[in-house]
């Protein structure tokens, strides 16, 4: 019995499949192309998650601010030093981490008496801060 010698010529031109070297070479080329693409898109993926959170927080803060603006001036003025009152009053509109602040920014007259009639409303929810003014009519 004669042994058949396996020639390199036969391995290179095998029509039945790929050689191990060809598979490794294809994986190497794929890795060289894919890794920079993943590195390029990774910040965008992380950023979109952050932007979505910002949008949700802004919506909640706006909802709380709208609830404050619906209150009449007298209610805001009487309870301006009591932020817990506003969070409890607004209920579901105010998230648990919401800080509400109402301050009198109307100033004083020439005699040193407070003028009254202008309040600053602030709503803070994590890193979202909304501020507006409300005047007495």
C-alpha atoms as a PDB file:
ATOM      1  CA  UNK A   1       0.000   0.000   0.000  1.00  0.00           C
ATOM      2  CA  UNK A   2       1.247   3.303  -0.985  1.00  0.00           C
ATOM      3  CA  UNK A   3       0.523   6.343   1.091  1.00  0.00           C
ATOM      4  CA  UNK A   4      -0.757   9.349  -0.709  1.00  0.00           C
ATOM      5  CA  UNK A   5       1.156  12.458  -0.030  1.00  0.00           C
ATOM      6  CA  UNK A   6      -0.842  15.500   0.844  1.00  0.00           C
ATOM      7  CA  UNK A   7       0.443  18.353  -1.221  1.00  0.00           C
ATOM      8  CA  UNK A   8       0.063  22.028  -0.435  1.00  0.00           C
ATOM      9  CA  UNK A   9      -1.266  22.504  -3.928  1.00  0.00           C
ATOM     10  CA  UNK A  10      -4.213  20.312  -3.067  1.00  0.00           C
ATOM     11  CA  UNK A  11      -5.005  22.259   0.167  1.00  0.00           C
ATOM     12  CA  UNK A  12      -4.969  25.692  -1.464  1.00  0.00           C
ATOM     13  CA  UNK A  13      -7.318  24.693  -4.250  1.00  0.00           C
ATOM     14  CA  UNK A  14      -9.722  22.689  -2.139  1.00  0.00           C
ATOM     15  CA  UNK A  15     -13.201  23.450  -3.415  1.00  0.00           C
ATOM     16  CA  UNK A  16     -14.997  21.968  -0.432  1.00  0.00           C
ATOM     17  CA  UNK A  17     -14.484  24.799   2.085  1.00  0.00           C
ATOM     18  CA  UNK A  18     -12.187  27.352   3.616  1.00  0.00           C
ATOM     19  CA  UNK A  19      -8.872  26.698   5.231  1.00  0.00           C
ATOM     20  CA  UNK A  20      -8.238  27.689   8.821  1.00  0.00           C
ATOM     21  CA  UNK A  21      -5.885  30.425   7.638  1.00  0.00           C
ATOM     22  CA  UNK A  22      -8.578  31.947   5.428  1.00  0.00           C
ATOM     23  CA  UNK A  23     -11.060  31.997   8.318  1.00  0.00           C
ATOM     24  CA  UNK A  24      -8.567  33.704  10.640  1.00  0.00           C
ATOM     25  CA  UNK A  25      -7.696  36.239   7.956  1.00  0.00           C
ATOM     26  CA  UNK A  26     -11.386  37.062   7.400  1.00  0.00           C
ATOM     27  CA  UNK A  27     -11.932  37.467  11.157  1.00  0.00           C
ATOM     28  CA  UNK A  28      -8.895  39.728  11.423  1.00  0.00           C
ATOM     29  CA  UNK A  29     -10.138  41.974   8.614  1.00  0.00           C
ATOM     30  CA  UNK A  30     -13.597  42.063  10.197  1.00  0.00           C
ATOM     31  CA  UNK A  31     -12.165  42.982  13.604  1.00  0.00           C
ATOM     32  CA  UNK A  32     -10.053  45.757  12.109  1.00  0.00           C
ATOM     33  CA  UNK A  33     -13.154  47.211  10.441  1.00  0.00           C
ATOM     34  CA  UNK A  34     -15.710  46.703  13.237  1.00  0.00           C
ATOM     35  CA  UNK A  35     -13.785  47.915  16.306  1.00  0.00           C
ATOM     36  CA  UNK A  36     -13.379  51.524  15.082  1.00  0.00           C
ATOM     37  CA  UNK A  37     -17.044  51.587  14.061  1.00  0.00           C
ATOM     38  CA  UNK A  38     -18.127  50.464  17.540  1.00  0.00           C
ATOM     39  CA  UNK A  39     -15.858  53.095  19.097  1.00  0.00           C
ATOM     40  CA  UNK A  40     -17.395  55.746  16.854  1.00  0.00           C
ATOM     41  CA  UNK A  41     -21.015  54.855  17.689  1.00  0.00           C
ATOM     42  CA  UNK A  42     -20.608  54.158  21.422  1.00  0.00           C
ATOM     43  CA  UNK A  43     -20.746  57.829  22.542  1.00  0.00           C
ATOM     44  CA  UNK A  44     -23.899  58.372  20.503  1.00  0.00           C
ATOM     45  CA  UNK A  45     -25.591  55.389  22.155  1.00  0.00           C
ATOM     46  CA  UNK A  46     -24.697  56.627  25.643  1.00  0.00           C
ATOM     47  CA  UNK A  47     -25.690  60.182  24.757  1.00  0.00           C
ATOM     48  CA  UNK A  48     -29.124  59.161  23.527  1.00  0.00           C
ATOM     49  CA  UNK A  49     -29.860  57.545  26.890  1.00  0.00           C
ATOM     50  CA  UNK A  50     -28.840  60.730  28.686  1.00  0.00           C
ATOM     51  CA  UNK A  51     -30.919  62.878  26.344  1.00  0.00           C
ATOM     52  CA  UNK A  52     -33.956  60.692  26.929  1.00  0.00           C
ATOM     53  CA  UNK A  53     -33.559  61.100  30.692  1.00  0.00           C
ATOM     54  CA  UNK A  54     -33.233  64.883  30.250  1.00  0.00           C
ATOM     55  CA  UNK A  55     -36.435  64.978  28.214  1.00  0.00           C
ATOM     56  CA  UNK A  56     -38.350  63.039  30.865  1.00  0.00           C
ATOM     57  CA  UNK A  57     -37.024  65.242  33.677  1.00  0.00           C
ATOM     58  CA  UNK A  58     -37.835  68.410  31.734  1.00  0.00           C
ATOM     59  CA  UNK A  59     -41.383  67.179  31.135  1.00  0.00           C
ATOM     60  CA  UNK A  60     -41.885  66.474  34.836  1.00  0.00           C
ATOM     61  CA  UNK A  61     -40.433  69.853  35.813  1.00  0.00           C
ATOM     62  CA  UNK A  62     -42.681  71.641  33.296  1.00  0.00           C
ATOM     63  CA  UNK A  63     -45.700  69.786  34.626  1.00  0.00           C
ATOM     64  CA  UNK A  64     -44.852  70.930  38.150  1.00  0.00           C
ATOM     65  CA  UNK A  65     -44.279  74.507  36.964  1.00  0.00           C
ATOM     66  CA  UNK A  66     -47.631  74.511  35.128  1.00  0.00           C
ATOM     67  CA  UNK A  67     -49.288  73.328  38.329  1.00  0.00           C
ATOM     68  CA  UNK A  68     -47.695  76.227  40.211  1.00  0.00           C
ATOM     69  CA  UNK A  69     -48.773  78.722  37.579  1.00  0.00           C
ATOM     70  CA  UNK A  70     -52.377  77.528  37.865  1.00  0.00           C
ATOM     71  CA  UNK A  71     -52.429  78.484  41.547  1.00  0.00           C
ATOM     72  CA  UNK A  72     -53.675  81.966  42.348  1.00  0.00           C
ATOM     73  CA  UNK A  73     -51.200  84.647  43.433  1.00  0.00           C
ATOM     74  CA  UNK A  74     -52.512  84.834  47.006  1.00  0.00           C
ATOM     75  CA  UNK A  75     -51.973  81.089  47.617  1.00  0.00           C
ATOM     76  CA  UNK A  76     -48.420  81.366  46.289  1.00  0.00           C
ATOM     77  CA  UNK A  77     -47.696  84.505  48.332  1.00  0.00           C
ATOM     78  CA  UNK A  78     -49.055  83.109  51.617  1.00  0.00           C
ATOM     79  CA  UNK A  79     -47.111  79.828  51.292  1.00  0.00           C
ATOM     80  CA  UNK A  80     -43.914  81.169  49.732  1.00  0.00           C
ATOM     81  CA  UNK A  81     -41.703  79.958  52.608  1.00  0.00           C
ATOM     82  CA  UNK A  82     -43.169  76.456  52.641  1.00  0.00           C
ATOM     83  CA  UNK A  83     -41.904  74.369  49.673  1.00  0.00           C
ATOM     84  CA  UNK A  84     -43.351  71.145  51.127  1.00  0.00           C
ATOM     85  CA  UNK A  85     -46.826  72.675  50.880  1.00  0.00           C
ATOM     86  CA  UNK A  86     -46.501  73.069  47.109  1.00  0.00           C
ATOM     87  CA  UNK A  87     -45.130  69.559  46.546  1.00  0.00           C
ATOM     88  CA  UNK A  88     -48.003  68.099  48.613  1.00  0.00           C
ATOM     89  CA  UNK A  89     -50.539  70.375  46.907  1.00  0.00           C
ATOM     90  CA  UNK A  90     -49.405  69.393  43.423  1.00  0.00           C
ATOM     91  CA  UNK A  91     -49.392  65.687  44.310  1.00  0.00           C
ATOM     92  CA  UNK A  92     -48.626  63.492  41.297  1.00  0.00           C
ATOM     93  CA  UNK A  93     -47.431  66.443  39.210  1.00  0.00           C
ATOM     94  CA  UNK A  94     -44.394  66.892  41.443  1.00  0.00           C
ATOM     95  CA  UNK A  95     -41.841  64.104  41.379  1.00  0.00           C
ATOM     96  CA  UNK A  96     -40.245  62.965  44.627  1.00  0.00           C
ATOM     97  CA  UNK A  97     -36.935  64.727  43.901  1.00  0.00           C
ATOM     98  CA  UNK A  98     -38.616  68.005  42.941  1.00  0.00           C
ATOM     99  CA  UNK A  99     -37.604  71.166  44.757  1.00  0.00           C
ATOM    100  CA  UNK A 100     -40.117  74.016  44.594  1.00  0.00           C
ATOM    101  CA  UNK A 101     -39.224  77.546  45.638  1.00  0.00           C
ATOM    102  CA  UNK A 102     -41.424  80.639  45.698  1.00  0.00           C
ATOM    103  CA  UNK A 103     -39.777  83.951  46.644  1.00  0.00           C
ATOM    104  CA  UNK A 104     -40.882  87.583  46.640  1.00  0.00           C
ATOM    105  CA  UNK A 105     -38.728  89.565  44.179  1.00  0.00           C
ATOM    106  CA  UNK A 106     -40.822  92.711  43.968  1.00  0.00           C
ATOM    107  CA  UNK A 107     -38.404  94.884  45.944  1.00  0.00           C
ATOM    108  CA  UNK A 108     -39.032  97.812  48.273  1.00  0.00           C
ATOM    109  CA  UNK A 109     -40.362 101.320  47.787  1.00  0.00           C
ATOM    110  CA  UNK A 110     -38.619 104.616  48.657  1.00  0.00           C
ATOM    111  CA  UNK A 111     -39.720 104.388  52.310  1.00  0.00           C
ATOM    112  CA  UNK A 112     -38.302 100.872  52.705  1.00  0.00           C
ATOM    113  CA  UNK A 113     -41.639  99.077  52.620  1.00  0.00           C
ATOM    114  CA  UNK A 114     -42.008  95.892  50.560  1.00  0.00           C
ATOM    115  CA  UNK A 115     -43.896  96.585  47.367  1.00  0.00           C
ATOM    116  CA  UNK A 116     -45.251  93.063  46.837  1.00  0.00           C
ATOM    117  CA  UNK A 117     -46.911  91.811  43.730  1.00  0.00           C
ATOM    118  CA  UNK A 118     -44.084  89.876  42.031  1.00  0.00           C
ATOM    119  CA  UNK A 119     -43.074  86.321  42.849  1.00  0.00           C
ATOM    120  CA  UNK A 120     -40.313  84.167  41.411  1.00  0.00           C
ATOM    121  CA  UNK A 121     -41.226  80.499  40.965  1.00  0.00           C
ATOM    122  CA  UNK A 122     -38.421  77.917  40.722  1.00  0.00           C
ATOM    123  CA  UNK A 123     -38.712  74.209  40.040  1.00  0.00           C
ATOM    124  CA  UNK A 124     -35.581  72.039  40.275  1.00  0.00           C
ATOM    125  CA  UNK A 125     -35.539  68.369  39.356  1.00  0.00           C
ATOM    126  CA  UNK A 126     -32.037  66.861  39.428  1.00  0.00           C
ATOM    127  CA  UNK A 127     -30.103  68.975  36.874  1.00  0.00           C
ATOM    128  CA  UNK A 128     -33.195  70.609  35.272  1.00  0.00           C
ATOM    129  CA  UNK A 129     -34.011  74.075  36.604  1.00  0.00           C
ATOM    130  CA  UNK A 130     -37.012  76.117  35.522  1.00  0.00           C
ATOM    131  CA  UNK A 131     -37.686  79.672  36.651  1.00  0.00           C
ATOM    132  CA  UNK A 132     -40.448  82.164  35.945  1.00  0.00           C
ATOM    133  CA  UNK A 133     -42.175  85.199  37.440  1.00  0.00           C
ATOM    134  CA  UNK A 134     -45.804  85.606  38.466  1.00  0.00           C
ATOM    135  CA  UNK A 135     -47.360  88.982  39.141  1.00  0.00           C
ATOM    136  CA  UNK A 136     -50.458  89.962  41.083  1.00  0.00           C
ATOM    137  CA  UNK A 137     -53.223  91.314  38.902  1.00  0.00           C
END
